[in-house]
Amino acid sequence: MLDIKNICTLKDFIENDEYVIRDIVDCNAYSALYFNLIGAYRSYNCYTESSDVIDYVLLMD
Protein backbone atom coordinates (compact mmCIF):
# COMPACT_ATOMS: atom_id res chain seq x y z
CA MET A 1 0.00 0.00 0.00
CA LEU A 2 1.28 3.41 -0.95
CA ASP A 3 0.87 6.33 1.40
CA ILE A 4 0.92 9.66 -0.40
CA LYS A 5 0.08 13.02 1.14
CA ASN A 6 0.01 16.64 0.03
CA ILE A 7 0.29 16.09 -3.70
CA CYS A 8 -0.52 19.05 -5.91
CA THR A 9 -0.97 17.06 -9.09
CA LEU A 10 -1.03 13.32 -9.49
CA LYS A 11 -0.13 13.15 -13.15
CA ASP A 12 3.34 11.74 -12.54
CA PHE A 13 1.90 9.22 -10.10
CA ILE A 14 -0.95 7.92 -12.22
CA GLU A 15 1.09 7.65 -15.41
CA ASN A 16 1.30 3.96 -14.66
CA ASP A 17 -2.41 3.09 -15.13
CA GLU A 18 -2.03 0.38 -12.49
CA TYR A 19 -3.21 2.24 -9.43
CA VAL A 20 -6.57 3.24 -8.07
CA ILE A 21 -6.98 5.51 -5.11
CA ARG A 22 -9.43 3.89 -2.72
CA ASP A 23 -10.06 6.82 -0.44
CA ILE A 24 -11.83 10.08 -1.10
CA VAL A 25 -9.54 13.01 -1.81
CA ASP A 26 -9.54 15.84 0.69
CA CYS A 27 -9.12 19.07 -1.27
CA ASN A 28 -8.08 22.39 0.21
CA ALA A 29 -8.33 25.11 -2.41
CA TYR A 30 -6.46 28.24 -1.41
CA SER A 31 -3.52 29.39 -3.50
CA ALA A 32 -3.13 25.85 -4.77
CA LEU A 33 -4.99 22.57 -4.57
CA TYR A 34 -3.68 20.09 -2.06
CA PHE A 35 -4.71 16.49 -1.82
CA ASN A 36 -4.60 14.23 1.18
CA LEU A 37 -4.87 10.76 -0.26
CA ILE A 38 -4.27 7.51 1.51
CA GLY A 39 -4.35 3.98 0.18
CA ALA A 40 -3.33 3.42 -3.40
CA TYR A 41 -3.91 -0.15 -4.44
CA ARG A 42 -2.84 -1.89 -7.59
CA SER A 43 -6.01 -2.08 -9.62
CA TYR A 44 -7.71 -0.08 -12.34
CA ASN A 45 -6.93 3.50 -13.13
CA CYS A 46 -10.03 5.37 -12.02
CA TYR A 47 -10.01 9.09 -11.41
CA THR A 48 -11.52 12.28 -12.73
CA GLU A 49 -9.35 15.08 -13.98
CA SER A 50 -9.84 18.79 -14.43
CA SER A 51 -7.19 20.65 -16.41
CA ASP A 52 -3.86 19.69 -14.86
CA VAL A 53 -5.10 18.86 -11.39
CA ILE A 54 -7.26 16.07 -10.08
CA ASP A 55 -10.40 17.27 -8.33
CA TYR A 56 -11.83 13.97 -7.16
CA VAL A 57 -10.73 10.39 -6.99
CA LEU A 58 -13.53 7.88 -7.21
CA LEU A 59 -14.09 5.45 -4.38
CA MET A 60 -13.74 1.95 -5.74
CA ASP A 61 -14.07 -1.51 -4.20
PDB file of N, CA and C in Angstrom:
ATOM      1  N   MET A   1       0.833  -1.191   0.000  1.00  0.00           N
ATOM      2  CA  MET A   1       0.000   0.000   0.000  1.00  0.00           C
ATOM      3  C   MET A   1       0.869   1.244   0.000  1.00  0.00           C
ATOM      4  N   LEU A   2       0.548   2.150  -0.891  1.00  0.00           N
ATOM      5  CA  LEU A   2       1.283   3.406  -0.946  1.00  0.00           C
ATOM      6  C   LEU A   2       0.609   4.422  -0.053  1.00  0.00           C
ATOM      7  N   ASP A   3       1.409   5.284   0.541  1.00  0.00           N
ATOM      8  CA  ASP A   3       0.873   6.331   1.401  1.00  0.00           C
ATOM      9  C   ASP A   3       1.383   7.666   0.891  1.00  0.00           C
ATOM     10  N   ILE A   4       0.509   8.423   0.251  1.00  0.00           N
ATOM     11  CA  ILE A   4       0.916   9.662  -0.399  1.00  0.00           C
ATOM     12  C   ILE A   4       0.106  10.805   0.172  1.00  0.00           C
ATOM     13  N   LYS A   5       0.785  11.886   0.558  1.00  0.00           N
ATOM     14  CA  LYS A   5       0.076  13.020   1.141  1.00  0.00           C
ATOM     15  C   LYS A   5       0.574  14.321   0.533  1.00  0.00           C
ATOM     16  N   ASN A   6      -0.332  15.297   0.484  1.00  0.00           N
ATOM     17  CA  ASN A   6       0.006  16.640   0.028  1.00  0.00           C
ATOM     18  C   ASN A   6       0.611  16.654  -1.373  1.00  0.00           C
ATOM     19  N   ILE A   7      -0.124  16.091  -2.308  1.00  0.00           N
ATOM     20  CA  ILE A   7       0.295  16.090  -3.700  1.00  0.00           C
ATOM     21  C   ILE A   7      -0.500  17.158  -4.437  1.00  0.00           C
ATOM     22  N   CYS A   8       0.198  18.015  -5.172  1.00  0.00           N
ATOM     23  CA  CYS A   8      -0.521  19.055  -5.906  1.00  0.00           C
ATOM     24  C   CYS A   8      -1.161  18.484  -7.164  1.00  0.00           C
ATOM     25  N   THR A   9      -0.398  17.748  -7.940  1.00  0.00           N
ATOM     26  CA  THR A   9      -0.966  17.058  -9.093  1.00  0.00           C
ATOM     27  C   THR A   9      -0.492  15.609  -9.067  1.00  0.00           C
ATOM     28  N   LEU A  10      -1.342  14.736  -9.544  1.00  0.00           N
ATOM     29  CA  LEU A  10      -1.032  13.316  -9.491  1.00  0.00           C
ATOM     30  C   LEU A  10      -0.652  12.750 -10.842  1.00  0.00           C
ATOM     31  N   LYS A  11      -0.400  13.634 -11.808  1.00  0.00           N
ATOM     32  CA  LYS A  11      -0.126  13.145 -13.154  1.00  0.00           C
ATOM     33  C   LYS A  11       1.070  12.203 -13.183  1.00  0.00           C
ATOM     34  N   ASP A  12       2.154  12.577 -12.512  1.00  0.00           N
ATOM     35  CA  ASP A  12       3.342  11.736 -12.545  1.00  0.00           C
ATOM     36  C   ASP A  12       3.132  10.446 -11.766  1.00  0.00           C
ATOM     37  N   PHE A  13       2.162  10.443 -10.850  1.00  0.00           N
ATOM     38  CA  PHE A  13       1.896   9.220 -10.097  1.00  0.00           C
ATOM     39  C   PHE A  13       1.009   8.256 -10.874  1.00  0.00           C
ATOM     40  N   ILE A  14       0.022   8.787 -11.571  1.00  0.00           N
ATOM     41  CA  ILE A  14      -0.954   7.924 -12.224  1.00  0.00           C
ATOM     42  C   ILE A  14      -0.600   7.695 -13.695  1.00  0.00           C
ATOM     43  N   GLU A  15       0.632   8.001 -14.074  1.00  0.00           N
ATOM     44  CA  GLU A  15       1.094   7.648 -15.414  1.00  0.00           C
ATOM     45  C   GLU A  15       0.975   6.148 -15.653  1.00  0.00           C
ATOM     46  N   ASN A  16       1.136   5.400 -14.583  1.00  0.00           N
ATOM     47  CA  ASN A  16       1.297   3.959 -14.659  1.00  0.00           C
ATOM     48  C   ASN A  16       0.043   3.226 -15.118  1.00  0.00           C
ATOM     49  N   ASP A  17      -1.140   3.750 -14.811  1.00  0.00           N
ATOM     50  CA  ASP A  17      -2.411   3.094 -15.125  1.00  0.00           C
ATOM     51  C   ASP A  17      -2.634   1.819 -14.324  1.00  0.00           C
ATOM     52  N   GLU A  18      -1.875   1.604 -13.274  1.00  0.00           N
ATOM     53  CA  GLU A  18      -2.032   0.382 -12.490  1.00  0.00           C
ATOM     54  C   GLU A  18      -2.520   0.663 -11.076  1.00  0.00           C
ATOM     55  N   TYR A  19      -2.830   1.900 -10.788  1.00  0.00           N
ATOM     56  CA  TYR A  19      -3.207   2.236  -9.430  1.00  0.00           C
ATOM     57  C   TYR A  19      -4.596   2.835  -9.380  1.00  0.00           C
ATOM     58  N   VAL A  20      -5.297   2.562  -8.322  1.00  0.00           N
ATOM     59  CA  VAL A  20      -6.565   3.241  -8.072  1.00  0.00           C
ATOM     60  C   VAL A  20      -6.543   3.727  -6.632  1.00  0.00           C
ATOM     61  N   ILE A  21      -6.953   4.953  -6.447  1.00  0.00           N
ATOM     62  CA  ILE A  21      -6.985   5.506  -5.109  1.00  0.00           C
ATOM     63  C   ILE A  21      -8.301   5.093  -4.461  1.00  0.00           C
ATOM     64  N   ARG A  22      -8.230   4.474  -3.295  1.00  0.00           N
ATOM     65  CA  ARG A  22      -9.426   3.887  -2.719  1.00  0.00           C
ATOM     66  C   ARG A  22     -10.026   4.746  -1.621  1.00  0.00           C
ATOM     67  N   ASP A  23      -9.470   5.901  -1.387  1.00  0.00           N
ATOM     68  CA  ASP A  23     -10.061   6.821  -0.439  1.00  0.00           C
ATOM     69  C   ASP A  23     -10.470   8.096  -1.142  1.00  0.00           C
ATOM     70  N   ILE A  24     -11.371   8.836  -0.518  1.00  0.00           N
ATOM     71  CA  ILE A  24     -11.831  10.085  -1.100  1.00  0.00           C
ATOM     72  C   ILE A  24     -10.770  11.152  -0.877  1.00  0.00           C
ATOM     73  N   VAL A  25     -10.567  11.979  -1.883  1.00  0.00           N
ATOM     74  CA  VAL A  25      -9.537  13.010  -1.808  1.00  0.00           C
ATOM     75  C   VAL A  25     -10.048  14.199  -1.007  1.00  0.00           C
ATOM     76  N   ASP A  26      -9.214  14.669  -0.104  1.00  0.00           N
ATOM     77  CA  ASP A  26      -9.542  15.844   0.688  1.00  0.00           C
ATOM     78  C   ASP A  26      -8.872  17.049   0.052  1.00  0.00           C
ATOM     79  N   CYS A  27      -9.673  17.943  -0.524  1.00  0.00           N
ATOM     80  CA  CYS A  27      -9.124  19.073  -1.267  1.00  0.00           C
ATOM     81  C   CYS A  27      -9.214  20.357  -0.460  1.00  0.00           C
ATOM     82  N   ASN A  28      -8.100  21.052  -0.356  1.00  0.00           N
ATOM     83  CA  ASN A  28      -8.084  22.390   0.214  1.00  0.00           C
ATOM     84  C   ASN A  28      -7.669  23.359  -0.877  1.00  0.00           C
ATOM     85  N   ALA A  29      -8.622  24.182  -1.318  1.00  0.00           N
ATOM     86  CA  ALA A  29      -8.333  25.109  -2.409  1.00  0.00           C
ATOM     87  C   ALA A  29      -8.072  26.494  -1.840  1.00  0.00           C
ATOM     88  N   TYR A  30      -6.827  26.882  -1.789  1.00  0.00           N
ATOM     89  CA  TYR A  30      -6.459  28.240  -1.412  1.00  0.00           C
ATOM     90  C   TYR A  30      -5.652  28.838  -2.550  1.00  0.00           C
ATOM     91  N   SER A  31      -4.338  28.936  -2.386  1.00  0.00           N
ATOM     92  CA  SER A  31      -3.516  29.394  -3.501  1.00  0.00           C
ATOM     93  C   SER A  31      -3.256  28.245  -4.460  1.00  0.00           C
ATOM     94  N   ALA A  32      -3.314  27.033  -3.939  1.00  0.00           N
ATOM     95  CA  ALA A  32      -3.132  25.847  -4.774  1.00  0.00           C
ATOM     96  C   ALA A  32      -4.011  24.740  -4.228  1.00  0.00           C
ATOM     97  N   LEU A  33      -4.220  23.717  -5.028  1.00  0.00           N
ATOM     98  CA  LEU A  33      -4.993  22.569  -4.572  1.00  0.00           C
ATOM     99  C   LEU A  33      -4.057  21.555  -3.922  1.00  0.00           C
ATOM    100  N   TYR A  34      -4.438  21.132  -2.735  1.00  0.00           N
ATOM    101  CA  TYR A  34      -3.678  20.093  -2.062  1.00  0.00           C
ATOM    102  C   TYR A  34      -4.559  18.870  -1.869  1.00  0.00           C
ATOM    103  N   PHE A  35      -3.947  17.716  -1.923  1.00  0.00           N
ATOM    104  CA  PHE A  35      -4.705  16.485  -1.821  1.00  0.00           C
ATOM    105  C   PHE A  35      -4.130  15.623  -0.708  1.00  0.00           C
ATOM    106  N   ASN A  36      -5.001  15.185   0.158  1.00  0.00           N
ATOM    107  CA  ASN A  36      -4.598  14.230   1.180  1.00  0.00           C
ATOM    108  C   ASN A  36      -5.173  12.884   0.780  1.00  0.00           C
ATOM    109  N   LEU A  37      -4.339  12.034   0.210  1.00  0.00           N
ATOM    110  CA  LEU A  37      -4.866  10.762  -0.264  1.00  0.00           C
ATOM    111  C   LEU A  37      -4.097   9.605   0.355  1.00  0.00           C
ATOM    112  N   ILE A  38      -4.843   8.647   0.793  1.00  0.00           N
ATOM    113  CA  ILE A  38      -4.274   7.510   1.507  1.00  0.00           C
ATOM    114  C   ILE A  38      -4.786   6.224   0.872  1.00  0.00           C
ATOM    115  N   GLY A  39      -3.913   5.294   0.626  1.00  0.00           N
ATOM    116  CA  GLY A  39      -4.345   3.977   0.176  1.00  0.00           C
ATOM    117  C   GLY A  39      -4.436   3.849  -1.315  1.00  0.00           C
ATOM    118  N   ALA A  40      -3.321   3.669  -1.961  1.00  0.00           N
ATOM    119  CA  ALA A  40      -3.334   3.424  -3.396  1.00  0.00           C
ATOM    120  C   ALA A  40      -3.066   1.940  -3.611  1.00  0.00           C
ATOM    121  N   TYR A  41      -4.022   1.283  -4.233  1.00  0.00           N
ATOM    122  CA  TYR A  41      -3.908  -0.152  -4.438  1.00  0.00           C
ATOM    123  C   TYR A  41      -3.725  -0.451  -5.921  1.00  0.00           C
ATOM    124  N   ARG A  42      -2.988  -1.486  -6.201  1.00  0.00           N
ATOM    125  CA  ARG A  42      -2.836  -1.892  -7.589  1.00  0.00           C
ATOM    126  C   ARG A  42      -4.179  -2.398  -8.099  1.00  0.00           C
ATOM    127  N   SER A  43      -4.694  -1.722  -9.105  1.00  0.00           N
ATOM    128  CA  SER A  43      -6.006  -2.079  -9.623  1.00  0.00           C
ATOM    129  C   SER A  43      -6.220  -1.315 -10.906  1.00  0.00           C
ATOM    130  N   TYR A  44      -7.425  -0.828 -11.133  1.00  0.00           N
ATOM    131  CA  TYR A  44      -7.709  -0.077 -12.338  1.00  0.00           C
ATOM    132  C   TYR A  44      -7.422   1.389 -12.119  1.00  0.00           C
ATOM    133  N   ASN A  45      -7.120   2.068 -13.198  1.00  0.00           N
ATOM    134  CA  ASN A  45      -6.928   3.505 -13.131  1.00  0.00           C
ATOM    135  C   ASN A  45      -8.296   4.164 -13.183  1.00  0.00           C
ATOM    136  N   CYS A  46      -8.694   4.791 -12.087  1.00  0.00           N
ATOM    137  CA  CYS A  46     -10.026   5.365 -12.019  1.00  0.00           C
ATOM    138  C   CYS A  46      -9.960   6.699 -11.295  1.00  0.00           C
ATOM    139  N   TYR A  47     -10.023   7.773 -12.029  1.00  0.00           N
ATOM    140  CA  TYR A  47     -10.010   9.094 -11.414  1.00  0.00           C
ATOM    141  C   TYR A  47     -10.607  10.088 -12.388  1.00  0.00           C
ATOM    142  N   THR A  48     -11.049  11.219 -11.863  1.00  0.00           N
ATOM    143  CA  THR A  48     -11.523  12.281 -12.732  1.00  0.00           C
ATOM    144  C   THR A  48     -10.494  13.387 -12.735  1.00  0.00           C
ATOM    145  N   GLU A  49     -10.416  14.100 -13.821  1.00  0.00           N
ATOM    146  CA  GLU A  49      -9.349  15.078 -13.981  1.00  0.00           C
ATOM    147  C   GLU A  49      -9.923  16.384 -14.506  1.00  0.00           C
ATOM    148  N   SER A  50      -9.437  17.479 -13.964  1.00  0.00           N
ATOM    149  CA  SER A  50      -9.842  18.794 -14.427  1.00  0.00           C
ATOM    150  C   SER A  50      -8.591  19.600 -14.726  1.00  0.00           C
ATOM    151  N   SER A  51      -8.403  19.965 -15.961  1.00  0.00           N
ATOM    152  CA  SER A  51      -7.192  20.650 -16.411  1.00  0.00           C
ATOM    153  C   SER A  51      -5.972  19.829 -16.042  1.00  0.00           C
ATOM    154  N   ASP A  52      -5.083  20.404 -15.225  1.00  0.00           N
ATOM    155  CA  ASP A  52      -3.862  19.692 -14.865  1.00  0.00           C
ATOM    156  C   ASP A  52      -3.898  19.152 -13.446  1.00  0.00           C
ATOM    157  N   VAL A  53      -5.004  19.353 -12.761  1.00  0.00           N
ATOM    158  CA  VAL A  53      -5.098  18.860 -11.390  1.00  0.00           C
ATOM    159  C   VAL A  53      -6.294  17.936 -11.241  1.00  0.00           C
ATOM    160  N   ILE A  54      -6.182  17.018 -10.323  1.00  0.00           N
ATOM    161  CA  ILE A  54      -7.258  16.067 -10.083  1.00  0.00           C
ATOM    162  C   ILE A  54      -8.167  16.622  -8.997  1.00  0.00           C
ATOM    163  N   ASP A  55      -9.440  16.729  -9.292  1.00  0.00           N
ATOM    164  CA  ASP A  55     -10.397  17.270  -8.335  1.00  0.00           C
ATOM    165  C   ASP A  55     -10.924  16.188  -7.402  1.00  0.00           C
ATOM    166  N   TYR A  56     -11.273  15.058  -7.956  1.00  0.00           N
ATOM    167  CA  TYR A  56     -11.825  13.974  -7.164  1.00  0.00           C
ATOM    168  C   TYR A  56     -11.211  12.657  -7.600  1.00  0.00           C
ATOM    169  N   VAL A  57     -11.092  11.760  -6.655  1.00  0.00           N
ATOM    170  CA  VAL A  57     -10.727  10.387  -6.989  1.00  0.00           C
ATOM    171  C   VAL A  57     -11.885   9.502  -6.568  1.00  0.00           C
ATOM    172  N   LEU A  58     -12.330   8.666  -7.473  1.00  0.00           N
ATOM    173  CA  LEU A  58     -13.525   7.877  -7.213  1.00  0.00           C
ATOM    174  C   LEU A  58     -13.244   6.757  -6.221  1.00  0.00           C
ATOM    175  N   LEU A  59     -14.213   6.522  -5.358  1.00  0.00           N
ATOM    176  CA  LEU A  59     -14.090   5.453  -4.376  1.00  0.00           C
ATOM    177  C   LEU A  59     -14.471   4.130  -5.018  1.00  0.00           C
ATOM    178  N   MET A  60     -13.526   3.226  -5.075  1.00  0.00           N
ATOM    179  CA  MET A  60     -13.740   1.947  -5.739  1.00  0.00           C
ATOM    180  C   MET A  60     -13.568   0.802  -4.746  1.00  0.00           C
ATOM    181  N   ASP A  61     -14.235  -0.308  -5.028  1.00  0.00           N
ATOM    182  CA  ASP A  61     -14.069  -1.507  -4.196  1.00  0.00           C
ATOM    183  C   ASP A  61     -13.193  -2.518  -4.898  1.00  0.00           C
TER     184      ASP A  61
END
